[in-house]
Amino acid sequence: MSGTSSGRQTDARDRDDEGRARNARPRDGLGRPLPYGADGVERQPEGVVRTPQETVAEAQALLDAGRPFHAHEVFEDAWKAGPERERALWRGLAQLAVGLTHSARGNVTGGARLLRRGAGAVEEWVAAAGEPRPYGMDLAGVVVWARRLADLVEEGSEIIDAQARAPRLR
């Protein structure tokens, strides 16, 4: 914290080149902040415009590596940059990746809730768009995966390993 002339304390925040708040602390593979100076996992660049096929391939590689937090950032880029008619799909997939992230971090309530919310969003998108396999993705299989994992998370019978429990998008 840093003081101000009025005596009121303000947060000293990391900022990007455009002045937006950006936490510069290194992060682990599940996106948790580490102490400054610690060795962390390289972050995903934000705001990258990819083709849908590139998005799916990059997100799958990150999921396979046990980095669902980073996969969510890839889906988020597609959600923000993609065509309006696909935004709900990419947002739902981002929610699934965050649900896996929270589950692997041990957040039972948040993990299960986001997995179910993402599954519902993907399912609704399929019903509205009539495209069960956009860009070769097996969305029905992804929905089943998410709901099963949400049940498993709530059972609490095992620690969720993000890499071992990663979905197969195609």
Protein backbone atom coordinates (compact mmCIF):
# COMPACT_ATOMS: atom_id res chain seq x y z
CA MET A 1 0.00 0.00 0.00
CA SER A 2 1.06 3.54 -0.53
CA GLY A 3 -0.09 6.62 1.31
CA THR A 4 -1.68 9.71 -0.13
CA SER A 5 -1.50 13.31 1.00
CA SER A 6 -4.95 12.97 2.57
CA GLY A 7 -3.68 10.16 4.77
CA ARG A 8 -5.93 7.66 3.01
CA GLN A 9 -4.24 4.44 1.87
CA THR A 10 -4.48 3.32 -1.75
CA ASP A 11 -3.52 0.03 -3.29
CA ALA A 12 -0.26 -0.06 -5.18
CA ARG A 13 -1.29 -2.01 -8.26
CA ASP A 14 0.60 -3.46 -11.16
CA ARG A 15 -0.45 -1.80 -14.41
CA ASP A 16 0.00 -2.71 -18.06
CA ASP A 17 1.27 -0.29 -20.72
CA GLU A 18 -2.25 1.13 -21.11
CA GLY A 19 -2.69 1.76 -17.38
CA ARG A 20 -5.10 -1.14 -16.75
CA ALA A 21 -4.67 -3.09 -13.53
CA ARG A 22 -2.66 -6.25 -14.25
CA ASN A 23 -1.22 -8.42 -11.53
CA ALA A 24 2.40 -8.98 -12.51
CA ARG A 25 3.01 -11.68 -9.91
CA PRO A 26 4.07 -15.00 -11.37
CA ARG A 27 1.43 -17.74 -11.38
CA ASP A 28 1.46 -21.49 -11.02
CA GLY A 29 -0.03 -23.91 -13.54
CA LEU A 30 -3.51 -23.43 -12.06
CA GLY A 31 -3.27 -19.65 -12.24
CA ARG A 32 -2.67 -19.09 -8.52
CA PRO A 33 -0.46 -16.09 -7.75
CA LEU A 34 3.02 -16.85 -6.46
CA PRO A 35 5.30 -14.45 -4.58
CA TYR A 36 7.09 -11.84 -6.67
CA GLY A 37 10.38 -13.28 -7.90
CA ALA A 38 9.20 -16.91 -7.81
CA ASP A 39 9.45 -19.08 -10.89
CA GLY A 40 6.01 -19.32 -12.41
CA VAL A 41 4.34 -20.68 -15.50
CA GLU A 42 4.43 -18.45 -18.55
CA ARG A 43 1.17 -16.58 -18.94
CA GLN A 44 -1.05 -16.74 -21.97
CA PRO A 45 -0.98 -13.51 -23.94
CA GLU A 46 -4.33 -11.73 -23.80
CA GLY A 47 -6.34 -10.46 -26.72
CA VAL A 48 -4.93 -12.85 -29.31
CA VAL A 49 -7.17 -13.35 -32.32
CA ARG A 50 -7.08 -16.99 -33.44
CA THR A 51 -9.12 -19.00 -35.88
CA PRO A 52 -11.64 -21.27 -34.17
CA GLN A 53 -9.48 -24.27 -35.11
CA GLU A 54 -6.42 -22.61 -33.54
CA THR A 55 -8.46 -21.82 -30.43
CA VAL A 56 -9.57 -25.44 -30.02
CA ALA A 57 -6.07 -26.81 -30.66
CA GLU A 58 -4.34 -24.39 -28.28
CA ALA A 59 -6.94 -24.82 -25.55
CA GLN A 60 -6.71 -28.62 -25.84
CA ALA A 61 -2.92 -28.51 -25.58
CA LEU A 62 -3.18 -26.40 -22.42
CA LEU A 63 -5.84 -28.69 -20.94
CA ASP A 64 -3.68 -31.73 -21.74
CA ALA A 65 -0.78 -30.03 -19.94
CA GLY A 66 -2.90 -29.53 -16.80
CA ARG A 67 -3.28 -25.78 -17.36
CA PRO A 68 -7.04 -25.16 -17.50
CA PHE A 69 -6.66 -21.60 -16.20
CA HIS A 70 -4.60 -20.79 -19.28
CA ALA A 71 -7.05 -22.65 -21.55
CA HIS A 72 -9.83 -20.45 -20.18
CA GLU A 73 -7.89 -17.39 -21.33
CA VAL A 74 -7.71 -18.83 -24.87
CA PHE A 75 -11.48 -19.46 -24.84
CA GLU A 76 -12.02 -15.97 -23.44
CA ASP A 77 -10.13 -14.45 -26.38
CA ALA A 78 -12.44 -16.34 -28.78
CA TRP A 79 -15.49 -15.24 -26.80
CA LYS A 80 -14.47 -11.59 -26.98
CA ALA A 81 -13.18 -11.55 -30.57
CA GLY A 82 -15.42 -14.11 -32.27
CA PRO A 83 -18.67 -13.60 -34.09
CA GLU A 84 -21.65 -12.69 -31.89
CA ARG A 85 -23.45 -15.95 -32.72
CA GLU A 86 -20.58 -17.99 -31.20
CA ARG A 87 -19.88 -15.96 -28.08
CA ALA A 88 -22.11 -18.09 -25.83
CA LEU A 89 -20.25 -21.22 -26.99
CA TRP A 90 -16.81 -19.84 -26.19
CA ARG A 91 -18.03 -18.34 -22.90
CA GLY A 92 -19.45 -21.74 -21.90
CA LEU A 93 -16.16 -23.46 -22.75
CA ALA A 94 -14.28 -20.82 -20.74
CA GLN A 95 -16.57 -21.53 -17.79
CA LEU A 96 -15.79 -25.24 -18.07
CA ALA A 97 -12.06 -24.53 -18.01
CA VAL A 98 -12.48 -22.29 -14.95
CA GLY A 99 -14.62 -24.99 -13.33
CA LEU A 100 -11.81 -27.49 -13.82
CA THR A 101 -9.35 -24.91 -12.44
CA HIS A 102 -11.38 -24.37 -9.27
CA SER A 103 -11.93 -28.11 -8.87
CA ALA A 104 -8.19 -28.78 -9.08
CA ARG A 105 -7.56 -26.00 -6.55
CA GLY A 106 -9.91 -27.75 -4.12
CA ASN A 107 -12.79 -25.27 -4.43
CA VAL A 108 -15.65 -27.80 -4.40
CA THR A 109 -18.55 -25.37 -4.53
CA GLY A 110 -17.10 -23.05 -7.17
CA GLY A 111 -15.72 -25.89 -9.27
CA ALA A 112 -18.96 -27.87 -9.42
CA ARG A 113 -21.06 -24.75 -9.98
CA LEU A 114 -18.91 -23.52 -12.90
CA LEU A 115 -18.76 -26.98 -14.48
CA ARG A 116 -22.56 -27.19 -14.41
CA ARG A 117 -23.02 -23.60 -15.59
CA GLY A 118 -20.60 -24.13 -18.48
CA ALA A 119 -22.26 -27.43 -19.41
CA GLY A 120 -25.65 -25.73 -19.47
CA ALA A 121 -24.33 -22.85 -21.58
CA VAL A 122 -22.74 -25.21 -24.12
CA GLU A 123 -25.90 -27.33 -24.24
CA GLU A 124 -28.08 -24.24 -24.76
CA TRP A 125 -25.78 -23.03 -27.53
CA VAL A 126 -26.03 -26.39 -29.33
CA ALA A 127 -29.84 -26.31 -29.06
CA ALA A 128 -30.02 -22.74 -30.39
CA ALA A 129 -27.36 -23.07 -33.09
CA GLY A 130 -28.15 -26.63 -34.12
CA GLU A 131 -24.42 -27.36 -34.41
CA PRO A 132 -23.43 -30.27 -32.14
CA ARG A 133 -19.87 -30.52 -33.58
CA PRO A 134 -18.61 -27.04 -34.45
CA TYR A 135 -14.95 -27.07 -35.47
CA GLY A 136 -14.91 -30.83 -34.85
CA MET A 137 -15.66 -30.48 -31.13
CA ASP A 138 -17.73 -33.22 -29.47
CA LEU A 139 -19.90 -30.86 -27.43
CA ALA A 140 -22.26 -33.60 -26.25
CA GLY A 141 -19.26 -35.47 -24.89
CA VAL A 142 -17.90 -32.30 -23.26
CA VAL A 143 -21.25 -31.71 -21.53
CA VAL A 144 -21.28 -35.27 -20.20
CA TRP A 145 -17.66 -34.88 -19.02
CA ALA A 146 -18.48 -31.65 -17.18
CA ARG A 147 -21.52 -33.00 -15.36
CA ARG A 148 -19.73 -36.19 -14.33
CA LEU A 149 -16.77 -34.21 -13.06
CA ALA A 150 -19.08 -31.85 -11.13
CA ASP A 151 -20.61 -34.89 -9.41
CA LEU A 152 -17.16 -36.28 -8.62
CA VAL A 153 -15.99 -32.93 -7.26
CA GLU A 154 -19.00 -32.74 -4.95
CA GLU A 155 -18.47 -36.30 -3.73
CA GLY A 156 -15.05 -35.18 -2.52
CA SER A 157 -13.71 -38.70 -2.84
CA GLU A 158 -10.52 -37.65 -4.64
CA ILE A 159 -8.25 -34.71 -5.29
CA ILE A 160 -8.91 -33.49 -8.81
CA ASP A 161 -5.85 -33.62 -11.04
CA ALA A 162 -6.44 -31.08 -13.83
CA GLN A 163 -4.24 -32.93 -16.29
CA ALA A 164 -5.73 -36.37 -15.62
CA ARG A 165 -9.30 -35.01 -15.70
CA ALA A 166 -8.91 -32.77 -18.76
CA PRO A 167 -11.72 -33.09 -21.32
CA ARG A 168 -11.26 -34.19 -24.92
CA LEU A 169 -12.72 -31.41 -27.05
CA ARG A 170 -12.58 -33.44 -30.24
